[in-house]
Amino acid sequence: MKNPAPKSDQTTVVTHVSDATLRNFMGYHMKRAFNVVQADLARTLKPFDLRMLTYTALVLIVDNPGMRQSQLADAMDIERPNLVVIIDELERRELIVRDRVPNDRRAYALKVTLAGRHLYEKTVAAVTAHEAVLLDGIDDATRVAVIAAMKKIEKSQGKG
């Protein structure tokens, strides 16, 4: 039988939550910063009826015409079944087309439509502006250092 929690005559009321211990971890800072970036990006993409994942897929397809769905899943680091939902949405909106790969009837090449290219141009400009505002006050040397550190962390994946 478990021991009941000790009873206290006084009720403690927390007026400030401390995250001091968590602030010692880089991952915690990265997650907090990502939350800010993600929320701001969602607001930026909302007028275009895109989410972060659909935007990412559109950009990768425009930048890599003819890529296969499996390549897109790998580039986005998502499971192939989850990618199908994203591809279906982009195709339904007539932003991309799926063409069968001639020498592999099971594979599809992804290509952007004219409407997709126009949306890509508008959204890349909006996201570029969003990042400029969000990162205002952070000098170029710091940006380069942060990106280099994140790349190093990404490359260390699986070495633990």
Protein backbone atom coordinates (compact mmCIF):
# COMPACT_ATOMS: atom_id res chain seq x y z
CA MET A 1 0.00 0.00 0.00
CA LYS A 2 1.32 3.41 -0.92
CA ASN A 3 2.00 5.94 1.75
CA PRO A 4 -0.26 8.97 1.44
CA ALA A 5 1.36 12.30 0.79
CA PRO A 6 2.16 14.12 3.99
CA LYS A 7 -0.53 16.55 5.04
CA SER A 8 0.42 20.13 5.48
CA ASP A 9 -1.33 22.76 7.48
CA GLN A 10 -0.28 25.34 4.93
CA THR A 11 -1.10 25.34 1.26
CA THR A 12 1.79 26.48 -0.89
CA VAL A 13 0.80 28.80 -3.69
CA VAL A 14 3.26 29.04 -6.53
CA THR A 15 3.33 32.58 -7.87
CA HIS A 16 6.26 32.10 -10.23
CA VAL A 17 7.24 28.90 -12.01
CA SER A 18 10.99 28.51 -12.20
CA ASP A 19 12.57 26.77 -15.15
CA ALA A 20 16.09 27.47 -13.90
CA THR A 21 17.17 23.81 -14.08
CA LEU A 22 15.86 23.43 -17.63
CA ARG A 23 17.62 26.65 -18.69
CA ASN A 24 20.91 24.78 -18.25
CA PHE A 25 20.08 22.65 -21.31
CA MET A 26 20.62 23.83 -24.86
CA GLY A 27 17.76 21.63 -26.07
CA TYR A 28 15.34 23.52 -23.83
CA HIS A 29 16.47 26.86 -25.27
CA MET A 30 16.18 25.45 -28.79
CA LYS A 31 12.64 24.22 -28.11
CA ARG A 32 11.57 27.56 -26.61
CA ALA A 33 13.04 29.45 -29.58
CA PHE A 34 11.45 27.01 -32.04
CA ASN A 35 8.05 27.59 -30.43
CA VAL A 36 8.39 31.31 -31.11
CA VAL A 37 9.55 30.78 -34.70
CA GLN A 38 6.85 28.19 -35.38
CA ALA A 39 4.03 30.37 -34.02
CA ASP A 40 5.21 33.36 -36.04
CA LEU A 41 5.64 31.23 -39.16
CA ALA A 42 2.12 29.85 -38.75
CA ARG A 43 0.77 33.42 -38.69
CA THR A 44 2.86 34.27 -41.76
CA LEU A 45 1.62 31.25 -43.76
CA LYS A 46 -2.03 31.43 -42.67
CA PRO A 47 -3.09 33.96 -45.38
CA PHE A 48 -1.73 31.52 -47.96
CA ASP A 49 -3.64 28.59 -46.41
CA LEU A 50 -0.37 26.72 -45.82
CA ARG A 51 1.10 25.06 -42.77
CA MET A 52 4.79 24.63 -42.04
CA LEU A 53 4.79 21.10 -43.49
CA THR A 54 2.87 21.97 -46.67
CA TYR A 55 5.08 25.02 -47.18
CA THR A 56 8.22 22.93 -46.69
CA ALA A 57 6.99 20.31 -49.16
CA LEU A 58 6.09 22.96 -51.76
CA VAL A 59 9.51 24.61 -51.48
CA LEU A 60 11.35 21.30 -51.78
CA ILE A 61 9.29 20.28 -54.82
CA VAL A 62 9.92 23.63 -56.55
CA ASP A 63 13.63 23.47 -55.75
CA ASN A 64 13.90 19.81 -56.86
CA PRO A 65 11.61 19.30 -59.87
CA GLY A 66 10.85 15.65 -60.58
CA MET A 67 11.84 14.39 -57.15
CA ARG A 68 10.06 11.23 -56.01
CA GLN A 69 7.72 11.07 -53.04
CA SER A 70 10.19 8.85 -51.20
CA GLN A 71 12.92 11.46 -51.67
CA LEU A 72 10.61 14.16 -50.33
CA ALA A 73 9.77 12.05 -47.28
CA ASP A 74 13.48 11.56 -46.61
CA ALA A 75 14.25 15.26 -47.09
CA MET A 76 11.44 16.25 -44.70
CA ASP A 77 12.34 13.44 -42.29
CA ILE A 78 8.75 12.21 -42.07
CA GLU A 79 7.10 8.83 -42.55
CA ARG A 80 5.87 8.14 -46.07
CA PRO A 81 2.21 7.60 -45.00
CA ASN A 82 2.21 11.04 -43.35
CA LEU A 83 3.61 12.55 -46.53
CA VAL A 84 0.68 11.27 -48.59
CA VAL A 85 -1.68 13.63 -46.74
CA ILE A 86 0.58 16.60 -47.52
CA ILE A 87 0.98 15.63 -51.18
CA ASP A 88 -2.78 15.07 -51.54
CA GLU A 89 -3.46 18.55 -50.15
CA LEU A 90 -0.99 20.24 -52.50
CA GLU A 91 -2.35 18.28 -55.45
CA ARG A 92 -5.99 19.01 -54.52
CA ARG A 93 -5.12 22.73 -54.52
CA GLU A 94 -3.52 22.25 -57.96
CA LEU A 95 -0.14 23.44 -56.71
CA ILE A 96 1.69 20.27 -57.77
CA VAL A 97 1.17 17.25 -60.02
CA ARG A 98 2.27 13.66 -59.63
CA ASP A 99 3.61 12.09 -62.81
CA ARG A 100 4.43 8.41 -63.07
CA VAL A 101 8.13 7.72 -63.44
CA PRO A 102 8.46 5.99 -66.84
CA ASN A 103 10.92 3.29 -65.76
CA ASP A 104 9.25 2.64 -62.36
CA ARG A 105 5.45 2.49 -62.50
CA ARG A 106 5.23 2.44 -58.69
CA ALA A 107 7.01 5.78 -58.30
CA TYR A 108 5.73 9.30 -58.87
CA ALA A 109 7.74 12.37 -59.83
CA LEU A 110 6.52 15.56 -58.17
CA LYS A 111 6.33 18.76 -60.19
CA VAL A 112 5.03 22.22 -59.43
CA THR A 113 2.22 23.83 -61.42
CA LEU A 114 2.17 27.47 -62.48
CA ALA A 115 -0.16 28.23 -59.55
CA GLY A 116 2.27 26.43 -57.25
CA ARG A 117 5.21 28.43 -58.58
CA HIS A 118 3.34 31.71 -57.99
CA LEU A 119 2.41 30.67 -54.44
CA TYR A 120 6.01 29.59 -53.83
CA GLU A 121 7.30 33.03 -54.87
CA LYS A 122 4.80 34.86 -52.63
CA THR A 123 5.40 32.63 -49.62
CA VAL A 124 9.20 32.62 -49.86
CA ALA A 125 9.07 36.44 -49.89
CA ALA A 126 6.71 36.45 -46.89
CA VAL A 127 8.82 33.94 -44.93
CA THR A 128 12.00 35.88 -45.75
CA ALA A 129 10.37 39.04 -44.38
CA HIS A 130 9.06 37.12 -41.35
CA GLU A 131 12.57 35.91 -40.51
CA ALA A 132 14.10 39.36 -41.01
CA VAL A 133 11.70 40.84 -38.46
CA LEU A 134 12.00 37.91 -36.07
CA LEU A 135 15.80 37.94 -36.12
CA ASP A 136 16.19 41.72 -36.12
CA GLY A 137 18.94 42.65 -33.68
CA ILE A 138 20.90 39.44 -34.16
CA ASP A 139 24.11 40.26 -36.04
CA ASP A 140 25.32 38.23 -39.02
CA ALA A 141 28.22 36.64 -37.13
CA THR A 142 25.83 35.34 -34.46
CA ARG A 143 23.45 33.98 -37.09
CA VAL A 144 26.31 32.16 -38.81
CA ALA A 145 27.49 30.73 -35.47
CA VAL A 146 24.00 29.55 -34.47
CA ILE A 147 23.42 27.88 -37.84
CA ALA A 148 26.85 26.21 -37.64
CA ALA A 149 26.06 24.91 -34.15
CA MET A 150 22.68 23.54 -35.25
CA LYS A 151 24.28 21.83 -38.26
CA LYS A 152 26.86 20.24 -35.97
CA ILE A 153 24.09 18.95 -33.69
CA GLU A 154 22.18 17.61 -36.70
CA LYS A 155 25.27 15.80 -38.03
CA SER A 156 25.92 14.21 -34.63
CA GLN A 157 22.59 12.34 -34.84
CA GLY A 158 23.03 8.69 -34.05
CA LYS A 159 26.49 9.07 -32.51
CA GLY A 160 25.15 8.74 -28.97
